[in-house]
N, C-alpha and C. Protein backbone atom coordinates (compact mmCIF):
# COMPACT_ATOMS: atom_id res chain seq x y z
N UNK A 1 17.72 -7.28 -0.84
CA UNK A 1 17.40 -8.21 -2.07
C UNK A 1 16.31 -8.97 -1.90
N UNK A 2 15.49 -9.08 -2.91
CA UNK A 2 14.20 -9.89 -2.67
C UNK A 2 14.49 -11.48 -2.69
N UNK A 3 13.79 -12.16 -1.91
CA UNK A 3 13.87 -13.63 -1.75
C UNK A 3 13.29 -14.29 -2.99
N UNK A 4 13.87 -15.39 -3.56
CA UNK A 4 13.44 -16.24 -4.58
C UNK A 4 12.70 -17.60 -4.13
N UNK A 5 11.52 -17.74 -4.45
CA UNK A 5 10.77 -18.93 -3.94
C UNK A 5 10.41 -19.82 -5.14
N UNK A 6 10.45 -21.04 -5.00
CA UNK A 6 10.03 -21.96 -5.90
C UNK A 6 8.48 -22.38 -5.95
N UNK A 7 7.89 -22.25 -7.08
CA UNK A 7 6.38 -22.70 -7.28
C UNK A 7 6.30 -23.63 -8.41
N UNK A 8 5.66 -24.89 -8.11
CA UNK A 8 5.34 -25.72 -9.10
C UNK A 8 4.18 -25.48 -9.98
N UNK A 9 4.06 -25.56 -11.35
CA UNK A 9 2.95 -25.26 -12.16
C UNK A 9 2.80 -26.28 -13.19
N UNK A 10 1.61 -26.55 -13.65
CA UNK A 10 1.33 -27.50 -14.64
C UNK A 10 0.62 -26.61 -15.94
N UNK A 11 0.98 -27.00 -17.21
CA UNK A 11 0.22 -26.50 -18.30
C UNK A 11 -1.26 -26.66 -18.09
N UNK A 12 -2.17 -25.82 -18.42
CA UNK A 12 -3.66 -26.00 -18.28
C UNK A 12 -4.29 -25.86 -19.57
N UNK A 13 -5.08 -26.83 -19.84
CA UNK A 13 -5.96 -26.92 -21.06
C UNK A 13 -7.44 -26.47 -20.75
N UNK A 14 -7.83 -26.60 -19.54
CA UNK A 14 -9.11 -26.27 -19.17
C UNK A 14 -9.28 -24.77 -19.04
N UNK A 15 -10.25 -24.20 -19.51
CA UNK A 15 -10.35 -22.66 -19.34
C UNK A 15 -11.99 -22.41 -19.20
N UNK A 16 -12.23 -21.11 -18.89
CA UNK A 16 -13.47 -20.60 -18.84
C UNK A 16 -14.21 -21.26 -17.44
N UNK A 17 -15.44 -21.55 -17.62
CA UNK A 17 -16.24 -22.12 -16.55
C UNK A 17 -15.89 -23.51 -16.29
N UNK A 18 -15.13 -24.14 -17.01
CA UNK A 18 -14.48 -25.45 -16.68
C UNK A 18 -13.53 -25.41 -15.63
N UNK A 19 -13.04 -24.13 -15.34
CA UNK A 19 -11.97 -24.03 -14.27
C UNK A 19 -12.48 -24.46 -12.88
N UNK A 20 -13.81 -24.67 -12.77
CA UNK A 20 -14.37 -25.13 -11.56
C UNK A 20 -13.83 -26.49 -11.15
N UNK A 21 -13.49 -27.30 -12.22
CA UNK A 21 -13.04 -28.48 -12.03
C UNK A 21 -11.74 -28.51 -11.26
N UNK A 22 -10.94 -27.42 -11.56
CA UNK A 22 -9.58 -27.22 -10.89
C UNK A 22 -9.81 -26.89 -9.41
N UNK A 23 -10.72 -26.11 -9.03
CA UNK A 23 -11.03 -25.75 -7.77
C UNK A 23 -11.35 -27.03 -6.94
N UNK A 24 -12.14 -27.97 -7.53
CA UNK A 24 -12.54 -29.17 -6.85
C UNK A 24 -11.41 -30.10 -6.72
N UNK A 25 -10.34 -29.91 -7.39
CA UNK A 25 -9.14 -30.81 -7.27
C UNK A 25 -8.06 -30.07 -6.54
N UNK A 26 -8.33 -28.96 -5.88
CA UNK A 26 -7.41 -28.28 -4.98
C UNK A 26 -6.29 -27.50 -5.79
N UNK A 27 -6.72 -26.98 -7.01
CA UNK A 27 -5.89 -26.16 -7.82
C UNK A 27 -6.40 -24.88 -8.11
N UNK A 28 -5.48 -23.89 -8.56
CA UNK A 28 -5.86 -22.59 -8.95
C UNK A 28 -5.48 -22.42 -10.42
N UNK A 29 -6.32 -21.78 -11.20
CA UNK A 29 -6.03 -21.41 -12.58
C UNK A 29 -5.06 -20.22 -12.52
N UNK A 30 -4.12 -20.10 -13.47
CA UNK A 30 -3.25 -19.08 -13.58
C UNK A 30 -2.77 -18.87 -14.94
N UNK A 31 -2.02 -17.72 -15.24
CA UNK A 31 -1.52 -17.59 -16.52
C UNK A 31 -0.17 -16.89 -16.41
N UNK A 32 0.76 -17.21 -17.33
CA UNK A 32 2.01 -16.69 -17.33
C UNK A 32 2.15 -15.92 -18.76
N UNK A 33 2.66 -14.62 -18.54
CA UNK A 33 2.96 -13.74 -19.73
C UNK A 33 4.08 -12.91 -19.55
N UNK A 34 4.53 -12.18 -20.62
CA UNK A 34 5.84 -11.34 -20.69
C UNK A 34 7.09 -12.09 -20.77
N UNK A 35 8.21 -11.27 -20.84
CA UNK A 35 9.51 -11.78 -20.98
C UNK A 35 9.69 -12.41 -22.32
N UNK A 36 8.93 -12.07 -23.30
CA UNK A 36 9.08 -12.55 -24.62
C UNK A 36 8.41 -13.91 -24.75
N UNK A 37 7.66 -14.35 -23.76
CA UNK A 37 6.98 -15.61 -24.00
C UNK A 37 5.65 -15.38 -24.50
N UNK A 38 5.03 -16.43 -25.15
CA UNK A 38 3.58 -16.36 -25.38
C UNK A 38 2.75 -16.58 -24.11
N UNK A 39 1.80 -16.06 -23.98
CA UNK A 39 0.95 -16.29 -22.77
C UNK A 39 0.56 -17.80 -22.57
N UNK A 40 0.68 -18.29 -21.37
CA UNK A 40 0.50 -19.72 -21.15
C UNK A 40 -0.38 -19.99 -19.90
N UNK A 41 -1.35 -20.79 -20.19
CA UNK A 41 -2.33 -21.12 -19.04
C UNK A 41 -1.79 -22.30 -18.21
N UNK A 42 -1.82 -22.05 -16.76
CA UNK A 42 -1.30 -22.90 -15.95
C UNK A 42 -2.20 -23.15 -14.89
N UNK A 43 -1.75 -24.31 -14.10
CA UNK A 43 -2.51 -24.62 -12.88
C UNK A 43 -1.62 -24.82 -11.76
N UNK A 44 -1.86 -24.25 -10.51
CA UNK A 44 -1.04 -24.42 -9.35
C UNK A 44 -1.70 -24.96 -8.40
N UNK A 45 -0.86 -25.55 -7.37
CA UNK A 45 -1.62 -26.08 -6.13
C UNK A 45 -2.07 -25.16 -5.13
N UNK A 46 -3.26 -25.24 -4.79
CA UNK A 46 -3.75 -24.17 -3.83
C UNK A 46 -3.26 -24.20 -2.46
N UNK A 47 -2.97 -25.26 -1.90
CA UNK A 47 -2.43 -25.32 -0.59
C UNK A 47 -1.12 -24.66 -0.71
N UNK A 48 -0.25 -25.04 -1.56
CA UNK A 48 1.17 -24.63 -1.65
C UNK A 48 1.15 -23.11 -1.89
N UNK A 49 0.36 -22.56 -2.73
CA UNK A 49 0.36 -21.17 -3.07
C UNK A 49 -0.12 -20.33 -1.98
N UNK A 50 -1.27 -20.78 -1.34
CA UNK A 50 -1.73 -19.88 -0.25
C UNK A 50 -0.86 -19.87 0.87
N UNK A 51 -0.08 -20.88 1.10
CA UNK A 51 0.97 -20.95 2.19
C UNK A 51 2.12 -19.91 1.81
N UNK A 52 2.35 -19.96 0.60
CA UNK A 52 3.31 -18.88 -0.05
C UNK A 52 3.01 -17.50 0.13
N UNK A 53 1.67 -17.14 -0.25
CA UNK A 53 1.18 -15.87 0.01
C UNK A 53 1.13 -15.29 1.51
N UNK A 54 0.97 -16.46 2.29
CA UNK A 54 0.78 -15.97 3.81
C UNK A 54 2.07 -15.62 4.34
N UNK A 55 3.22 -15.95 3.78
CA UNK A 55 4.56 -15.75 4.33
C UNK A 55 5.41 -14.97 3.26
N UNK A 56 4.95 -14.50 2.31
CA UNK A 56 5.73 -13.57 1.34
C UNK A 56 5.06 -12.43 0.91
N UNK A 57 5.77 -11.41 0.40
CA UNK A 57 5.28 -10.25 -0.26
C UNK A 57 4.85 -10.64 -1.73
N UNK A 58 3.64 -10.63 -1.89
CA UNK A 58 3.26 -11.23 -3.21
C UNK A 58 3.67 -10.25 -4.42
N UNK A 59 3.68 -9.00 -4.18
CA UNK A 59 3.96 -8.03 -5.32
C UNK A 59 5.45 -7.91 -5.69
N UNK A 60 6.39 -8.27 -4.63
CA UNK A 60 7.82 -7.97 -4.92
C UNK A 60 8.64 -9.26 -4.88
N UNK A 61 8.05 -10.43 -4.43
CA UNK A 61 8.87 -11.55 -4.26
C UNK A 61 9.23 -12.19 -5.52
N UNK A 62 10.42 -12.54 -5.82
CA UNK A 62 10.85 -13.26 -7.08
C UNK A 62 10.57 -14.63 -6.93
N UNK A 63 10.10 -15.21 -8.02
CA UNK A 63 9.54 -16.60 -8.03
C UNK A 63 10.24 -17.41 -9.12
N UNK A 64 10.68 -18.59 -8.78
CA UNK A 64 11.25 -19.57 -9.74
C UNK A 64 10.20 -20.39 -10.09
N UNK A 65 9.46 -20.22 -11.16
CA UNK A 65 8.27 -20.96 -11.61
C UNK A 65 8.73 -22.22 -12.31
N UNK A 66 8.52 -23.28 -11.70
CA UNK A 66 8.89 -24.65 -12.42
C UNK A 66 7.81 -25.24 -13.03
N UNK A 67 7.71 -25.17 -14.44
CA UNK A 67 6.66 -25.50 -15.22
C UNK A 67 6.77 -27.03 -15.70
N UNK A 68 5.96 -27.92 -15.47
CA UNK A 68 6.10 -29.30 -15.87
C UNK A 68 6.38 -29.33 -17.43
N UNK A 69 7.31 -29.99 -17.81
CA UNK A 69 7.72 -30.07 -19.24
C UNK A 69 8.67 -29.19 -19.68
N UNK A 70 9.07 -28.19 -18.90
CA UNK A 70 10.18 -27.28 -19.27
C UNK A 70 11.45 -27.58 -18.43
N UNK A 71 12.65 -27.49 -18.91
CA UNK A 71 13.86 -27.91 -18.30
C UNK A 71 14.31 -26.88 -17.24
N UNK A 72 14.02 -25.52 -17.54
CA UNK A 72 14.40 -24.53 -16.60
C UNK A 72 13.45 -23.74 -16.03
N UNK A 73 13.53 -23.40 -14.66
CA UNK A 73 12.48 -22.48 -14.14
C UNK A 73 12.38 -21.17 -14.83
N UNK A 74 11.24 -20.55 -14.73
CA UNK A 74 11.02 -19.17 -15.37
C UNK A 74 11.01 -18.24 -14.09
N UNK A 75 11.78 -17.17 -14.17
CA UNK A 75 11.79 -16.16 -13.30
C UNK A 75 10.63 -15.21 -13.38
N UNK A 76 9.80 -15.19 -12.44
CA UNK A 76 8.48 -14.53 -12.56
C UNK A 76 8.18 -13.73 -11.19
N UNK A 77 7.18 -12.94 -11.30
CA UNK A 77 6.49 -12.19 -10.15
C UNK A 77 5.08 -12.21 -10.34
N UNK A 78 4.40 -12.17 -9.25
CA UNK A 78 2.96 -12.08 -9.27
C UNK A 78 2.46 -10.64 -9.57
N UNK A 79 1.82 -10.69 -10.69
CA UNK A 79 1.29 -9.28 -11.38
C UNK A 79 -0.05 -9.05 -10.76
N UNK A 80 -0.91 -9.93 -10.57
CA UNK A 80 -2.28 -9.74 -10.07
C UNK A 80 -2.84 -11.03 -9.42
N UNK A 81 -3.59 -10.72 -8.41
CA UNK A 81 -4.35 -11.81 -7.72
C UNK A 81 -5.77 -11.55 -7.71
N UNK A 82 -6.66 -12.39 -8.19
CA UNK A 82 -7.99 -12.28 -8.02
C UNK A 82 -8.57 -13.16 -7.06
N UNK A 83 -9.39 -12.42 -6.06
CA UNK A 83 -9.82 -13.21 -4.93
C UNK A 83 -11.34 -13.05 -4.87
N UNK A 84 -11.89 -14.03 -4.21
CA UNK A 84 -13.39 -14.05 -3.98
C UNK A 84 -13.83 -12.91 -2.99
N UNK A 85 -14.75 -12.08 -3.44
CA UNK A 85 -15.32 -10.94 -2.56
C UNK A 85 -15.95 -11.50 -1.21
N UNK A 86 -16.51 -12.71 -1.39
CA UNK A 86 -17.21 -13.41 -0.22
C UNK A 86 -16.34 -14.20 0.66
N UNK A 87 -15.71 -15.23 0.14
CA UNK A 87 -14.74 -16.09 0.92
C UNK A 87 -13.33 -15.56 1.08
N UNK A 88 -12.89 -14.75 0.17
CA UNK A 88 -11.49 -14.19 0.26
C UNK A 88 -10.46 -15.20 -0.24
N UNK A 89 -10.84 -16.28 -0.83
CA UNK A 89 -9.89 -17.19 -1.31
C UNK A 89 -9.40 -16.83 -2.79
N UNK A 90 -8.24 -17.30 -3.15
CA UNK A 90 -7.63 -16.91 -4.47
C UNK A 90 -8.44 -17.63 -5.58
N UNK A 91 -8.85 -16.78 -6.52
CA UNK A 91 -9.55 -17.36 -7.68
C UNK A 91 -8.73 -17.58 -8.92
N UNK A 92 -7.69 -16.66 -9.08
CA UNK A 92 -6.87 -16.69 -10.36
C UNK A 92 -5.55 -15.96 -10.03
N UNK A 93 -4.54 -16.36 -10.69
CA UNK A 93 -3.19 -15.66 -10.48
C UNK A 93 -2.58 -15.29 -11.86
N UNK A 94 -2.13 -14.02 -12.05
CA UNK A 94 -1.38 -13.62 -13.22
C UNK A 94 0.14 -13.57 -12.78
N UNK A 95 0.86 -14.29 -13.59
CA UNK A 95 2.38 -14.29 -13.31
C UNK A 95 3.02 -13.54 -14.45
N UNK A 96 4.05 -12.67 -14.15
CA UNK A 96 4.75 -11.94 -15.19
C UNK A 96 6.14 -12.52 -15.27
N UNK A 97 6.50 -12.92 -16.31
CA UNK A 97 7.95 -13.56 -16.57
C UNK A 97 8.81 -12.28 -16.71
N UNK A 98 9.90 -12.20 -15.97
CA UNK A 98 10.83 -11.07 -15.98
C UNK A 98 12.30 -11.43 -16.37
N UNK A 99 12.90 -10.39 -16.96
CA UNK A 99 14.34 -10.63 -17.25
C UNK A 99 15.17 -10.05 -16.06
N UNK A 100 16.31 -10.77 -15.67
CA UNK A 100 16.83 -10.31 -14.52
C UNK A 100 17.76 -9.12 -14.68
N UNK A 101 17.99 -8.84 -15.99
CA UNK A 101 18.82 -7.63 -16.27
C UNK A 101 18.02 -6.30 -16.68
N UNK A 102 16.68 -6.32 -16.52
CA UNK A 102 15.84 -5.32 -16.85
C UNK A 102 14.99 -4.81 -15.70
N UNK A 103 15.01 -3.65 -15.41
CA UNK A 103 14.29 -3.06 -14.42
C UNK A 103 12.75 -3.19 -14.51
N UNK A 104 12.09 -3.36 -13.47
CA UNK A 104 10.64 -3.51 -13.43
C UNK A 104 10.09 -2.55 -12.25
N UNK A 105 8.74 -2.29 -12.48
CA UNK A 105 8.07 -1.59 -11.40
C UNK A 105 7.18 -2.59 -10.58
N UNK A 106 7.21 -2.47 -9.38
CA UNK A 106 6.39 -3.43 -8.58
C UNK A 106 5.84 -2.79 -7.24
N UNK A 107 4.73 -3.33 -6.68
CA UNK A 107 4.19 -2.76 -5.50
C UNK A 107 4.84 -3.37 -4.21
N UNK A 108 5.39 -2.53 -3.33
CA UNK A 108 6.03 -2.97 -2.28
C UNK A 108 5.55 -2.41 -1.02
N UNK A 109 5.31 -3.18 0.00
CA UNK A 109 4.77 -2.87 1.25
C UNK A 109 5.51 -1.78 1.96
N UNK A 110 4.83 -1.08 2.79
CA UNK A 110 5.66 0.02 3.58
C UNK A 110 5.39 -0.48 5.08
N UNK A 111 6.51 -0.58 5.77
CA UNK A 111 6.49 -1.05 7.17
C UNK A 111 7.14 0.09 7.97
N UNK A 112 6.42 0.44 9.12
CA UNK A 112 6.90 1.56 10.02
C UNK A 112 7.86 0.90 10.98
N UNK A 113 8.81 1.70 11.32
CA UNK A 113 9.89 1.28 12.31
C UNK A 113 10.22 2.35 13.33
N UNK A 114 10.56 2.07 14.53
CA UNK A 114 10.84 3.05 15.50
C UNK A 114 9.64 3.29 16.39
N UNK A 115 9.95 4.03 17.56
CA UNK A 115 8.91 4.52 18.51
C UNK A 115 8.72 6.06 18.25
N UNK A 116 7.66 6.55 17.86
CA UNK A 116 7.36 7.98 17.87
C UNK A 116 7.25 8.66 19.22
N UNK A 117 7.88 9.68 19.45
CA UNK A 117 7.66 10.54 20.59
C UNK A 117 6.20 11.00 20.74
N UNK A 118 5.58 11.33 19.68
CA UNK A 118 4.26 11.84 19.62
C UNK A 118 3.28 10.81 20.04
N UNK A 119 3.55 9.56 19.68
CA UNK A 119 2.69 8.47 20.16
C UNK A 119 2.89 8.21 21.64
N UNK A 120 4.10 8.21 22.14
CA UNK A 120 4.37 8.09 23.56
C UNK A 120 3.68 9.13 24.34
N UNK A 121 3.53 10.36 23.72
CA UNK A 121 2.76 11.54 24.41
C UNK A 121 1.25 11.44 24.21
N UNK A 122 0.82 10.37 23.75
CA UNK A 122 -0.74 10.27 23.69
C UNK A 122 -1.36 10.49 22.20
N UNK A 123 -0.39 10.75 21.25
CA UNK A 123 -0.97 10.84 20.03
C UNK A 123 -1.16 9.42 19.25
N UNK A 124 -1.80 9.47 17.96
CA UNK A 124 -2.13 8.17 17.28
C UNK A 124 -1.47 8.33 15.98
N UNK A 125 -0.80 7.23 15.50
CA UNK A 125 -0.11 7.19 14.32
C UNK A 125 -1.12 6.73 13.25
N UNK A 126 -1.33 7.65 12.27
CA UNK A 126 -2.25 7.46 11.13
C UNK A 126 -1.55 7.05 9.91
N UNK A 127 -1.88 6.05 9.29
CA UNK A 127 -1.08 5.56 8.11
C UNK A 127 -1.87 5.90 6.83
N UNK A 128 -1.31 6.61 5.87
CA UNK A 128 -1.92 7.05 4.71
C UNK A 128 -1.72 6.03 3.48
N UNK A 129 -0.51 5.54 3.51
CA UNK A 129 -0.04 4.73 2.39
C UNK A 129 0.54 3.26 2.95
N UNK A 130 -0.11 2.21 2.53
CA UNK A 130 0.48 0.96 3.10
C UNK A 130 1.39 0.31 2.08
N UNK A 131 1.53 0.86 0.84
CA UNK A 131 2.44 0.38 -0.05
C UNK A 131 2.74 1.33 -1.11
N UNK A 132 3.91 1.27 -1.87
CA UNK A 132 4.38 2.22 -2.73
C UNK A 132 4.88 1.45 -3.99
N UNK A 133 4.88 2.10 -5.16
CA UNK A 133 5.41 1.56 -6.35
C UNK A 133 7.01 1.78 -6.33
N UNK A 134 7.70 0.70 -6.67
CA UNK A 134 9.23 0.98 -6.52
C UNK A 134 9.67 0.21 -7.97
N UNK A 135 10.79 0.93 -8.31
CA UNK A 135 11.41 0.42 -9.63
C UNK A 135 12.95 -0.09 -9.21
N UNK A 136 13.19 -1.33 -9.82
CA UNK A 136 14.52 -1.84 -9.63
C UNK A 136 14.65 -3.15 -10.48
N UNK A 137 15.86 -3.69 -10.51
CA UNK A 137 16.15 -5.03 -11.04
C UNK A 137 15.26 -6.00 -10.24
N UNK A 138 14.67 -7.12 -10.72
CA UNK A 138 13.91 -7.97 -10.01
C UNK A 138 14.61 -8.64 -8.75
N UNK A 139 15.98 -8.80 -8.90
CA UNK A 139 16.73 -9.31 -7.68
C UNK A 139 17.00 -8.25 -6.64
N UNK A 140 16.78 -6.86 -7.01
CA UNK A 140 17.05 -5.90 -6.03
C UNK A 140 15.82 -5.37 -5.37
N UNK A 141 14.63 -5.87 -5.76
CA UNK A 141 13.33 -5.40 -5.20
C UNK A 141 13.20 -5.85 -3.67
N UNK A 142 12.98 -4.82 -2.82
CA UNK A 142 12.83 -5.29 -1.34
C UNK A 142 11.42 -5.95 -1.11
N UNK A 143 11.34 -6.68 0.00
CA UNK A 143 10.10 -7.24 0.40
C UNK A 143 9.21 -6.06 1.05
N UNK A 144 9.90 -5.05 1.55
CA UNK A 144 9.19 -3.92 2.12
C UNK A 144 10.08 -2.63 2.23
N UNK A 145 9.52 -1.52 2.19
CA UNK A 145 10.16 -0.23 2.43
C UNK A 145 9.95 0.23 3.87
N UNK A 146 10.90 0.75 4.42
CA UNK A 146 10.91 1.16 5.86
C UNK A 146 10.69 2.58 6.00
N UNK A 147 9.68 2.87 6.91
CA UNK A 147 9.26 4.27 7.22
C UNK A 147 9.67 4.56 8.66
N UNK A 148 10.75 5.26 8.89
CA UNK A 148 11.22 5.46 10.35
C UNK A 148 10.34 6.59 10.89
N UNK A 149 9.57 6.31 11.99
CA UNK A 149 8.85 7.08 12.71
C UNK A 149 9.34 7.77 13.92
N UNK A 150 10.59 7.42 14.31
CA UNK A 150 11.25 7.69 15.61
C UNK A 150 11.40 9.19 15.84
N UNK A 151 11.15 10.12 14.81
CA UNK A 151 11.32 11.53 15.10
C UNK A 151 9.97 12.19 15.04
N UNK A 152 8.85 11.56 14.84
CA UNK A 152 7.60 12.13 14.74
C UNK A 152 6.90 12.61 15.96
N UNK A 153 6.75 13.94 16.13
CA UNK A 153 6.00 14.46 17.26
C UNK A 153 4.45 14.54 16.83
N UNK A 154 3.71 14.99 17.87
CA UNK A 154 2.29 15.21 17.47
C UNK A 154 2.11 16.31 16.35
N UNK A 155 1.47 16.07 15.40
CA UNK A 155 1.28 17.20 14.32
C UNK A 155 2.28 16.90 13.15
N UNK A 156 3.30 15.93 13.32
CA UNK A 156 4.41 15.89 12.26
C UNK A 156 3.76 14.70 11.29
N UNK A 157 4.27 14.85 10.19
CA UNK A 157 3.94 13.96 9.07
C UNK A 157 5.22 13.33 8.37
N UNK A 158 5.17 12.17 7.83
CA UNK A 158 6.27 11.55 7.17
C UNK A 158 5.88 11.38 5.64
N UNK A 159 6.64 11.93 4.77
CA UNK A 159 6.32 11.91 3.43
C UNK A 159 7.04 10.89 2.59
N UNK A 160 6.55 10.57 1.45
CA UNK A 160 7.22 9.59 0.64
C UNK A 160 8.69 9.93 0.32
N UNK A 161 9.06 11.30 0.18
CA UNK A 161 10.40 11.60 0.01
C UNK A 161 11.17 11.53 1.18
N UNK A 162 10.72 11.30 2.39
CA UNK A 162 11.47 11.06 3.61
C UNK A 162 11.92 9.52 3.67
N UNK A 163 11.38 8.59 2.88
CA UNK A 163 11.81 7.21 2.99
C UNK A 163 13.09 7.13 2.11
N UNK A 164 14.05 6.38 2.67
CA UNK A 164 15.30 6.07 1.95
C UNK A 164 15.26 4.60 1.44
N UNK A 165 15.17 4.47 0.09
CA UNK A 165 15.08 3.10 -0.47
C UNK A 165 16.36 2.37 -0.42
N UNK A 166 16.55 1.18 -0.48
CA UNK A 166 17.81 0.46 -0.70
C UNK A 166 18.44 0.93 -1.98
N UNK A 167 19.76 0.57 -1.92
CA UNK A 167 20.62 0.89 -3.13
C UNK A 167 20.05 0.22 -4.30
N UNK A 168 19.96 0.98 -5.50
CA UNK A 168 19.45 0.33 -6.70
C UNK A 168 17.93 0.33 -6.81
N UNK A 169 17.33 0.98 -5.81
CA UNK A 169 15.74 1.00 -5.92
C UNK A 169 15.32 2.37 -5.96
N UNK A 170 14.44 2.73 -6.85
CA UNK A 170 13.75 4.06 -6.91
C UNK A 170 12.28 4.00 -6.57
N UNK A 171 11.79 4.88 -5.69
CA UNK A 171 10.25 4.92 -5.34
C UNK A 171 9.74 5.79 -6.52
N UNK A 172 8.63 5.26 -7.09
CA UNK A 172 7.95 5.83 -8.21
C UNK A 172 6.84 6.42 -7.74
N UNK A 173 6.85 7.42 -6.81
CA UNK A 173 5.50 8.04 -6.37
C UNK A 173 5.80 9.49 -6.10
N UNK A 174 4.71 10.29 -5.97
CA UNK A 174 4.85 11.72 -5.49
C UNK A 174 5.49 11.89 -4.25
N UNK A 175 6.76 12.49 -4.18
CA UNK A 175 7.55 12.64 -2.95
C UNK A 175 6.74 13.45 -1.89
N UNK A 176 5.67 14.11 -2.18
CA UNK A 176 4.90 14.92 -1.32
C UNK A 176 3.75 14.09 -0.59
N UNK A 177 3.53 13.08 -1.28
CA UNK A 177 2.38 12.14 -0.65
C UNK A 177 2.77 11.78 0.85
N UNK A 178 1.73 11.75 1.72
CA UNK A 178 1.85 11.56 2.97
C UNK A 178 1.76 10.01 3.24
N UNK A 179 2.84 9.50 3.94
CA UNK A 179 2.80 8.05 4.23
C UNK A 179 2.22 7.77 5.51
N UNK A 180 2.61 8.61 6.70
CA UNK A 180 1.89 8.54 7.94
C UNK A 180 1.98 9.91 8.57
N UNK A 181 1.30 10.01 9.73
CA UNK A 181 1.30 11.29 10.54
C UNK A 181 0.87 10.91 11.88
N UNK A 182 1.24 11.78 12.91
CA UNK A 182 0.72 11.52 14.24
C UNK A 182 -0.14 12.62 14.57
N UNK A 183 -1.28 12.29 15.20
CA UNK A 183 -2.25 13.24 15.45
C UNK A 183 -2.80 13.04 16.77
N UNK A 184 -3.58 14.13 17.37
CA UNK A 184 -4.22 13.90 18.64
C UNK A 184 -5.49 12.98 18.45
N UNK A 185 -5.73 12.33 19.46
CA UNK A 185 -6.96 11.46 19.40
C UNK A 185 -8.13 12.41 19.24
N UNK A 186 -9.26 11.97 18.61
CA UNK A 186 -10.27 12.77 18.15
C UNK A 186 -10.99 13.44 19.40
N UNK A 187 -11.09 12.61 20.60
CA UNK A 187 -11.85 13.18 21.78
C UNK A 187 -11.04 14.38 22.31
N UNK A 188 -9.63 14.28 22.31
CA UNK A 188 -8.95 15.37 22.86
C UNK A 188 -9.03 16.59 21.93
N UNK A 189 -9.17 16.38 20.79
CA UNK A 189 -9.34 17.52 19.71
C UNK A 189 -10.63 18.18 19.94
N UNK A 190 -11.70 17.38 20.19
CA UNK A 190 -13.05 18.02 20.51
C UNK A 190 -13.11 18.76 21.84
N UNK A 191 -12.39 18.08 22.84
CA UNK A 191 -12.26 18.89 24.12
C UNK A 191 -11.56 20.20 24.01
N UNK A 192 -10.52 20.30 23.33
CA UNK A 192 -9.72 21.44 23.05
C UNK A 192 -10.56 22.45 22.29
N UNK A 193 -11.38 22.08 21.31
CA UNK A 193 -12.32 22.98 20.51
C UNK A 193 -13.29 23.46 21.43
N UNK A 194 -13.96 22.62 22.43
CA UNK A 194 -14.97 23.09 23.20
C UNK A 194 -14.35 24.16 24.28
N UNK A 195 -13.23 23.88 24.78
CA UNK A 195 -12.66 24.84 25.70
C UNK A 195 -12.36 26.27 24.94
N UNK A 196 -12.02 26.22 23.74
CA UNK A 196 -11.86 27.56 23.01
C UNK A 196 -13.10 28.21 22.85
N UNK A 197 -14.18 27.45 22.61
CA UNK A 197 -15.49 28.05 22.36
C UNK A 197 -16.07 28.58 23.67
N UNK A 198 -15.85 28.01 24.88
CA UNK A 198 -16.32 28.36 26.10
C UNK A 198 -15.61 29.68 26.62
N UNK A 199 -14.31 29.77 26.19
CA UNK A 199 -13.48 30.84 26.77
C UNK A 199 -13.59 32.16 25.99
N UNK A 200 -14.38 31.98 24.71
CA UNK A 200 -14.44 33.28 23.88
C UNK A 200 -15.43 34.22 24.42
N UNK A 201 -15.06 35.50 24.61
CA UNK A 201 -15.97 36.55 24.90
C UNK A 201 -16.63 37.19 23.70
N UNK A 202 -17.88 37.41 23.76
CA UNK A 202 -18.78 37.97 22.59
C UNK A 202 -18.96 39.53 23.01
N UNK A 203 -18.35 40.45 22.15
CA UNK A 203 -18.59 41.89 22.49
C UNK A 203 -19.95 42.35 21.93
N UNK A 204 -20.60 42.94 23.06
CA UNK A 204 -22.09 43.26 22.75
C UNK A 204 -22.05 44.50 21.70
N UNK A 205 -23.09 44.31 20.94
CA UNK A 205 -23.20 45.44 19.83
C UNK A 205 -23.77 46.72 20.37
N UNK A 206 -23.14 47.86 20.17
CA UNK A 206 -23.60 49.23 20.62
C UNK A 206 -24.43 49.84 19.59
N UNK A 207 -25.78 49.88 19.96
CA UNK A 207 -26.85 50.59 19.07
C UNK A 207 -26.66 51.91 19.17
N UNK A 208 -26.60 52.63 18.08
CA UNK A 208 -26.57 54.12 18.03
C UNK A 208 -25.11 54.66 18.03
N UNK A 209 -24.12 53.79 18.08
CA UNK A 209 -22.75 54.34 18.09
C UNK A 209 -22.39 54.99 16.82
N UNK A 210 -21.78 56.08 16.87
CA UNK A 210 -21.25 56.91 15.62
C UNK A 210 -20.71 55.95 14.66
N UNK A 211 -20.97 55.98 13.46
CA UNK A 211 -20.41 55.28 12.42
C UNK A 211 -20.95 53.94 12.16
N UNK A 212 -21.97 53.55 12.96
CA UNK A 212 -22.72 52.20 12.81
C UNK A 212 -23.64 52.33 11.64
N UNK A 213 -23.45 51.48 10.60
CA UNK A 213 -24.36 51.74 9.44
C UNK A 213 -25.77 51.41 9.76
N UNK A 214 -26.62 52.31 9.28
CA UNK A 214 -28.01 52.48 9.54
C UNK A 214 -28.44 53.15 10.55
N UNK A 215 -27.62 53.79 11.45
CA UNK A 215 -28.00 54.80 12.40
C UNK A 215 -27.63 56.11 12.09
N UNK A 216 -28.56 57.23 12.04
CA UNK A 216 -28.21 58.53 11.80
C UNK A 216 -27.39 59.27 12.81
N UNK A 217 -26.33 59.98 12.39
CA UNK A 217 -25.49 60.71 13.29
C UNK A 217 -26.27 61.92 13.76
N UNK A 218 -26.01 62.42 15.09
CA UNK A 218 -26.66 63.54 15.56
C UNK A 218 -25.72 64.69 15.13
N UNK A 219 -26.48 65.81 14.94
CA UNK A 219 -25.85 67.02 14.44
C UNK A 219 -26.21 68.18 15.24
N UNK A 220 -25.34 69.06 15.53
CA UNK A 220 -25.69 70.29 16.35
C UNK A 220 -26.36 71.40 15.44
N UNK A 221 -27.55 71.94 15.97
CA UNK A 221 -28.12 73.05 15.27
C UNK A 221 -27.51 74.37 15.60
């Protein structure tokens, strides 16, 4: 079951380029929509929010959004985070208000678990998918889905269909998509290929052999 965290927010009247004033005062512009509500512009404290993101799964954590002036917190989840491509800091947050009795889809991180025999033997664990889309009631969404790699030998792959989600959760992805695999290190693969090439024998071409195209056959007179 996903954890619920409280975040404080204030109604925001400043929009557009004027949002720079919020950044100067240590706040982040945000918007809340969905759940039958009209879209609402908000401002949240940067320090508190970045600390929250550092310790929680932003895509699947249920949030109790306490809005100044409203008597009850709003159940919400982070729908989108806009970050600076240069500094990496959060520029804007989209919150989605959710109903606790209606299933939603959210991005959930994938965590590997167990020790792979293939990795112990010198292989490398290659990850193809770091997150998956899951569907569940907001309170049932997990912080992460577990990919058990304890049976993977060198050359084995673990597919989406091999992951068992918690009860009440459905993974909404192609079950044949590769989550992770165990492969030989590249250097080893290259050495194996070189050994094969060096061991190959090339059969010499026999000029004039009967049946070879372009050479006339000898006939008895």
